[in-house]
Amino acid sequence: MKNIIESWVNNDLSVVDKETGFAPCPFAKRAIQDGKLNIIDCDGDLWEQVAKQCKDFNDNYSVVICLEEYPMQTYEEVEAACMAMNEWFSLNKMDVWLLAFQTDFTMVFVQKLSELNEASQKLEKMGYYEQYDRDDYVRLILNRRMRLQNG
C-alpha cells in the first residue's frame, strides 16, 4: 500500500493543475521526501489505530495515514467520526486534526492542527483558495482555523 500512496502523491496530489496553477496538495511530496509521512495499515482496526496514533502523535511525522484497505464504513461515516473526534480534540485543547479520504480504500490523516492551519495560511497568501467554493472554504478552512483559536 505504501507504493500506492506514494504513486498517488507523485502522480495526482503533486501535479500542478493548469487552470489553478497549484497542485491539489502542494506539501504531500515534500512530506514523503523528508521522511515525515507514516502509513499505518489498520487491517480491520481503523478506529483503534486512529485513537492510538492521535494519542502518540509527535514531531517524528507531519502526517500519519491510518489506512484500511477494505473499507468497513462509508465515506460519510468516516468523515462524521473524524469531525466528532476533531470536536473532542478542540474541547480538550489538543493540537490534532483528522481528515478523511476514501477511494477503493479508507484513509484517515492525523496531523497537527497548528501545522495544518499554518500551511493553509501560506496557501491562502499565494491565492490557492481563490477557486474554492465559498461554502467549502468556510467549512473546510475557516472553521478549522477557528477551532485552533478557540482551543
C-alpha atoms as a PDB file:
ATOM      1  CA  MET A   1       0.000   0.000   0.000  1.00  0.00           C
ATOM      2  CA  LYS A   2       2.912   2.359   0.639  1.00  0.00           C
ATOM      3  CA  ASN A   3       3.765   2.284  -3.080  1.00  0.00           C
ATOM      4  CA  ILE A   4       0.153   3.067  -3.994  1.00  0.00           C
ATOM      5  CA  ILE A   5       0.115   6.067  -1.635  1.00  0.00           C
ATOM      6  CA  GLU A   6       3.458   7.343  -2.921  1.00  0.00           C
ATOM      7  CA  SER A   7       2.281   6.955  -6.513  1.00  0.00           C
ATOM      8  CA  TRP A   8      -0.935   8.835  -5.681  1.00  0.00           C
ATOM      9  CA  VAL A   9       1.083  11.645  -4.111  1.00  0.00           C
ATOM     10  CA  ASN A  10       3.527  11.876  -7.013  1.00  0.00           C
ATOM     11  CA  ASN A  11       1.087  11.391  -9.887  1.00  0.00           C
ATOM     12  CA  ASP A  12      -2.026  13.136  -8.588  1.00  0.00           C
ATOM     13  CA  LEU A  13      -1.570  15.271  -5.483  1.00  0.00           C
ATOM     14  CA  SER A  14       1.691  16.904  -6.610  1.00  0.00           C
ATOM     15  CA  VAL A  15       0.773  17.615 -10.223  1.00  0.00           C
ATOM     16  CA  VAL A  16       0.045  21.278 -10.900  1.00  0.00           C
ATOM     17  CA  ASP A  17      -3.438  21.920 -12.286  1.00  0.00           C
ATOM     18  CA  LYS A  18      -3.189  24.118 -15.394  1.00  0.00           C
ATOM     19  CA  GLU A  19      -6.342  26.057 -14.507  1.00  0.00           C
ATOM     20  CA  THR A  20      -5.463  26.926 -10.915  1.00  0.00           C
ATOM     21  CA  GLY A  21      -1.672  26.880 -11.124  1.00  0.00           C
ATOM     22  CA  PHE A  22      -1.495  24.755  -7.966  1.00  0.00           C
ATOM     23  CA  ALA A  23      -1.114  21.095  -7.099  1.00  0.00           C
ATOM     24  CA  PRO A  24      -4.051  19.642  -5.127  1.00  0.00           C
ATOM     25  CA  CYS A  25      -1.759  19.080  -2.125  1.00  0.00           C
ATOM     26  CA  PRO A  26       1.454  21.081  -2.507  1.00  0.00           C
ATOM     27  CA  PHE A  27       3.023  19.757   0.720  1.00  0.00           C
ATOM     28  CA  ALA A  28       2.478  15.994   0.239  1.00  0.00           C
ATOM     29  CA  LYS A  29       5.521  15.227  -1.879  1.00  0.00           C
ATOM     30  CA  ARG A  30       7.825  17.081   0.490  1.00  0.00           C
ATOM     31  CA  ALA A  31       6.477  15.082   3.443  1.00  0.00           C
ATOM     32  CA  ILE A  32       7.467  11.855   1.673  1.00  0.00           C
ATOM     33  CA  GLN A  33      10.882  13.209   0.641  1.00  0.00           C
ATOM     34  CA  ASP A  34      11.625  14.354   4.187  1.00  0.00           C
ATOM     35  CA  GLY A  35      10.503  11.055   5.739  1.00  0.00           C
ATOM     36  CA  LYS A  36       7.656  12.858   7.530  1.00  0.00           C
ATOM     37  CA  LEU A  37       4.853  10.569   6.309  1.00  0.00           C
ATOM     38  CA  ASN A  38       3.977   7.404   8.183  1.00  0.00           C
ATOM     39  CA  ILE A  39       1.459   4.904   6.843  1.00  0.00           C
ATOM     40  CA  ILE A  40      -0.242   2.555   9.292  1.00  0.00           C
ATOM     41  CA  ASP A  41      -2.017  -0.489   7.836  1.00  0.00           C
ATOM     42  CA  CYS A  42      -5.086  -0.858  10.028  1.00  0.00           C
ATOM     43  CA  ASP A  43      -6.406  -4.183   8.723  1.00  0.00           C
ATOM     44  CA  GLY A  44      -9.848  -4.019  10.363  1.00  0.00           C
ATOM     45  CA  ASP A  45      -8.956  -1.947  13.430  1.00  0.00           C
ATOM     46  CA  LEU A  46      -9.124   1.529  11.876  1.00  0.00           C
ATOM     47  CA  TRP A  47     -10.515   3.403  14.874  1.00  0.00           C
ATOM     48  CA  GLU A  48      -8.240   1.676  17.382  1.00  0.00           C
ATOM     49  CA  GLN A  49      -5.259   2.719  15.268  1.00  0.00           C
ATOM     50  CA  VAL A  50      -6.569   6.258  14.740  1.00  0.00           C
ATOM     51  CA  ALA A  51      -7.010   6.666  18.508  1.00  0.00           C
ATOM     52  CA  LYS A  52      -3.527   5.255  19.179  1.00  0.00           C
ATOM     53  CA  GLN A  53      -1.910   7.498  16.559  1.00  0.00           C
ATOM     54  CA  CYS A  54      -3.682  10.570  17.952  1.00  0.00           C
ATOM     55  CA  LYS A  55      -2.599   9.731  21.499  1.00  0.00           C
ATOM     56  CA  ASP A  56       1.014   9.073  20.454  1.00  0.00           C
ATOM     57  CA  PHE A  57       1.302  11.813  17.799  1.00  0.00           C
ATOM     58  CA  ASN A  58       4.625  13.669  17.984  1.00  0.00           C
ATOM     59  CA  ASP A  59       7.085  15.553  15.807  1.00  0.00           C
ATOM     60  CA  ASN A  60       8.546  12.423  14.186  1.00  0.00           C
ATOM     61  CA  TYR A  61       5.987  12.760  11.394  1.00  0.00           C
ATOM     62  CA  SER A  62       3.955  15.634   9.996  1.00  0.00           C
ATOM     63  CA  VAL A  63       1.285  13.239   8.699  1.00  0.00           C
ATOM     64  CA  VAL A  64       0.241   9.765   9.787  1.00  0.00           C
ATOM     65  CA  ILE A  65      -2.145   7.966   7.457  1.00  0.00           C
ATOM     66  CA  CYS A  66      -4.250   5.234   9.023  1.00  0.00           C
ATOM     67  CA  LEU A  67      -5.184   3.096   6.057  1.00  0.00           C
ATOM     68  CA  GLU A  68      -7.887   0.472   5.807  1.00  0.00           C
ATOM     69  CA  GLU A  69      -7.548  -1.451   2.560  1.00  0.00           C
ATOM     70  CA  TYR A  70     -11.078  -2.873   2.645  1.00  0.00           C
ATOM     71  CA  PRO A  71     -13.435  -0.141   3.892  1.00  0.00           C
ATOM     72  CA  MET A  72     -15.902  -1.192   6.537  1.00  0.00           C
ATOM     73  CA  GLN A  73     -17.709   2.181   6.588  1.00  0.00           C
ATOM     74  CA  THR A  74     -18.942   4.645   4.018  1.00  0.00           C
ATOM     75  CA  TYR A  75     -17.037   7.863   3.452  1.00  0.00           C
ATOM     76  CA  GLU A  76     -19.831   9.784   5.178  1.00  0.00           C
ATOM     77  CA  GLU A  77     -19.498   7.606   8.282  1.00  0.00           C
ATOM     78  CA  VAL A  78     -15.711   8.005   8.362  1.00  0.00           C
ATOM     79  CA  GLU A  79     -15.936  11.773   7.884  1.00  0.00           C
ATOM     80  CA  ALA A  80     -18.579  12.087  10.611  1.00  0.00           C
ATOM     81  CA  ALA A  81     -16.380  10.128  13.019  1.00  0.00           C
ATOM     82  CA  CYS A  82     -13.384  12.350  12.169  1.00  0.00           C
ATOM     83  CA  MET A  83     -15.438  15.508  12.729  1.00  0.00           C
ATOM     84  CA  ALA A  84     -16.692  14.208  16.079  1.00  0.00           C
ATOM     85  CA  MET A  85     -13.145  13.397  17.165  1.00  0.00           C
ATOM     86  CA  ASN A  86     -11.948  16.825  15.969  1.00  0.00           C
ATOM     87  CA  GLU A  87     -14.597  18.436  18.149  1.00  0.00           C
ATOM     88  CA  TRP A  88     -13.367  16.413  21.118  1.00  0.00           C
ATOM     89  CA  PHE A  89      -9.740  17.411  20.381  1.00  0.00           C
ATOM     90  CA  SER A  90     -10.800  21.052  20.249  1.00  0.00           C
ATOM     91  CA  LEU A  91     -12.683  20.875  23.547  1.00  0.00           C
ATOM     92  CA  ASN A  92      -9.663  19.220  25.165  1.00  0.00           C
ATOM     93  CA  LYS A  93      -7.199  21.699  23.631  1.00  0.00           C
ATOM     94  CA  MET A  94      -5.329  19.007  21.691  1.00  0.00           C
ATOM     95  CA  ASP A  95      -3.271  20.060  18.682  1.00  0.00           C
ATOM     96  CA  VAL A  96      -4.515  17.191  16.494  1.00  0.00           C
ATOM     97  CA  TRP A  97      -6.766  17.146  13.435  1.00  0.00           C
ATOM     98  CA  LEU A  98      -8.240  14.300  11.393  1.00  0.00           C
ATOM     99  CA  LEU A  99      -9.134  14.331   7.715  1.00  0.00           C
ATOM    100  CA  ALA A 100     -10.987  11.529   5.924  1.00  0.00           C
ATOM    101  CA  PHE A 101     -10.447  10.297   2.383  1.00  0.00           C
ATOM    102  CA  GLN A 102     -11.868   7.276   0.621  1.00  0.00           C
ATOM    103  CA  THR A 103     -11.497   5.698  -2.795  1.00  0.00           C
ATOM    104  CA  ASP A 104     -11.113   1.931  -3.022  1.00  0.00           C
ATOM    105  CA  PHE A 105      -9.670   2.126   0.485  1.00  0.00           C
ATOM    106  CA  THR A 106     -10.129   4.382   3.502  1.00  0.00           C
ATOM    107  CA  MET A 107      -7.538   6.804   4.812  1.00  0.00           C
ATOM    108  CA  VAL A 108      -7.668   8.903   7.951  1.00  0.00           C
ATOM    109  CA  PHE A 109      -4.954  11.557   8.065  1.00  0.00           C
ATOM    110  CA  VAL A 110      -3.648  12.527  11.503  1.00  0.00           C
ATOM    111  CA  GLN A 111      -1.920  15.915  11.610  1.00  0.00           C
ATOM    112  CA  LYS A 112      -1.208  18.783  13.960  1.00  0.00           C
ATOM    113  CA  LEU A 113      -3.972  21.354  13.717  1.00  0.00           C
ATOM    114  CA  SER A 114      -1.473  24.189  14.156  1.00  0.00           C
ATOM    115  CA  GLU A 115       0.688  22.970  11.246  1.00  0.00           C
ATOM    116  CA  LEU A 116      -2.337  22.424   9.030  1.00  0.00           C
ATOM    117  CA  ASN A 117      -3.577  25.942   9.705  1.00  0.00           C
ATOM    118  CA  GLU A 118      -0.126  27.447   9.160  1.00  0.00           C
ATOM    119  CA  ALA A 119       0.159  25.670   5.797  1.00  0.00           C
ATOM    120  CA  SER A 120      -3.327  26.823   4.764  1.00  0.00           C
ATOM    121  CA  GLN A 121      -2.441  30.418   5.613  1.00  0.00           C
ATOM    122  CA  LYS A 122       0.640  30.201   3.358  1.00  0.00           C
ATOM    123  CA  LEU A 123      -1.512  28.790   0.569  1.00  0.00           C
ATOM    124  CA  GLU A 124      -4.116  31.490   1.059  1.00  0.00           C
ATOM    125  CA  LYS A 125      -1.484  34.225   0.635  1.00  0.00           C
ATOM    126  CA  MET A 126      -0.499  32.587  -2.668  1.00  0.00           C
ATOM    127  CA  GLY A 127      -4.116  32.614  -3.914  1.00  0.00           C
ATOM    128  CA  TYR A 128      -4.646  28.867  -3.548  1.00  0.00           C
ATOM    129  CA  TYR A 129      -8.226  29.184  -2.286  1.00  0.00           C
ATOM    130  CA  GLU A 130      -9.453  31.710  -4.858  1.00  0.00           C
ATOM    131  CA  GLN A 131     -11.046  28.896  -6.897  1.00  0.00           C
ATOM    132  CA  TYR A 132     -12.730  27.326  -3.862  1.00  0.00           C
ATOM    133  CA  ASP A 133     -16.473  27.375  -3.484  1.00  0.00           C
ATOM    134  CA  ARG A 134     -17.201  29.890  -0.693  1.00  0.00           C
ATOM    135  CA  ASP A 135     -19.179  27.370   1.400  1.00  0.00           C
ATOM    136  CA  ASP A 136     -16.373  24.784   1.110  1.00  0.00           C
ATOM    137  CA  TYR A 137     -13.802  27.399   2.077  1.00  0.00           C
ATOM    138  CA  VAL A 138     -15.754  28.338   5.200  1.00  0.00           C
ATOM    139  CA  ARG A 139     -16.480  24.698   6.116  1.00  0.00           C
ATOM    140  CA  LEU A 140     -13.027  23.289   5.423  1.00  0.00           C
ATOM    141  CA  ILE A 141     -10.622  26.131   6.143  1.00  0.00           C
ATOM    142  CA  LEU A 142     -12.124  28.918   8.252  1.00  0.00           C
ATOM    143  CA  ASN A 143     -13.987  26.633  10.660  1.00  0.00           C
ATOM    144  CA  ARG A 144     -10.801  24.615  11.208  1.00  0.00           C
ATOM    145  CA  ARG A 145      -8.814  27.788  11.940  1.00  0.00           C
ATOM    146  CA  MET A 146     -11.433  28.877  14.454  1.00  0.00           C
ATOM    147  CA  ARG A 147     -11.010  25.574  16.311  1.00  0.00           C
ATOM    148  CA  LEU A 148      -7.370  26.383  16.979  1.00  0.00           C
ATOM    149  CA  GLN A 149      -8.140  29.931  18.065  1.00  0.00           C
ATOM    150  CA  ASN A 150     -10.944  28.795  20.365  1.00  0.00           C
ATOM    151  CA  GLY A 151      -8.990  25.814  21.695  1.00  0.00           C
END
